[in-house]
């Protein structure tokens, strides 16, 4: 039966859809072209600035008077535009990556006095994401105490690369005032990857270690794993016993094998004359990964008790655990306290793992 519906009414919605898709493609194409042109422009600006700074940067690397030569940077930096000044400062510092501390200190002083820090702080709030990220990186190298608040603000930036740059910069500055905001990101696993937050907190020393102490009790196993290594990286020697106690508690009580394995592995960063009882007990853990970590870490403790425990593990059903136990016995054979017992244990053993590590040692000798 013929239809009275006009064809124009049938195809009109499709025409609007086609027009909308065409407009969207045009907009996307224009955005891509604009982004590319912006990148090309940035590269050209960077090359021009680098060409102007190269002679001074080269002299600074071989200078016997960095204070004097750093002063040459002052008119160069001051003569640049506000948008170019942070880029120039970053290029200078990047070129001085292998310079001595005195040279870097002199250059940083000149850059601060030239107003580059204030310009970079303003640039962290700019419209272009890569400029905000670059400004954060720059502030991490020569930022001032005021820069901490500026960088903390960028931890809430809508772009992930800017948040990562801000977190790394706060770690580089090492100001304890950044511990609170970074701890919130770390424990909440939000804003930045947990590894970035961990690295930044580790650079804050004791102020950052508080986040790892709390992290050991987190309901998130990934946070607990990362906190184990964070605690072990505590730079204060006076906190070694506390760190071993906290790791020992995780090793005994945590229900997640990978957390127990992380705790056992982290203990190797805290070697001493007495092997922790929790680490020796972990050699009997039902999870092979935990036994492997415990066997490897015991090789860093110059303790006869560690030798006795490891001697029984060179024939463990798990191949990797048995090998690590033999390797640890070999490492302990040179110790002041554990050396003699370890040598006796190696001589008395007929396990294939002992023969294997001995052969490897002979080949490498």
Foldseek 3Di string as FASTA:
>chain_A
DDDPDDPCVVCVVVVVVVVVVVVVVVVVVVVVVVVVVVVVVVVVLLVVLCVVCVVLLVCLQVDPDLLVSLVVVQVVLLVDDLLCNLSSLVSSCVSCVPHDPVNLVNNLVSSVVSCNLVSLLVQLPDDDVVSVLSSLLSCLRNNDPVVLVSLLVQLPPPDLSNVLSSLQSLLSNLDLVNQVSLLCCLLVVPSYHNVSSLSSLLSNAPSSLVSLLVQCPRPDLVSNLSSLLSLLSRPDLVCLVVSLVSLLCCLPDPPDVSSVLSSLQSLLSREEQDDDPSLLVQCPPPDVSNVLSSLQSLLRHLYLVSLVSLLVQLVPPDPSSNLSSLVSLVSNLPPPRNNVVSVVSLVPDPRPSSVVVVVVVVVVD
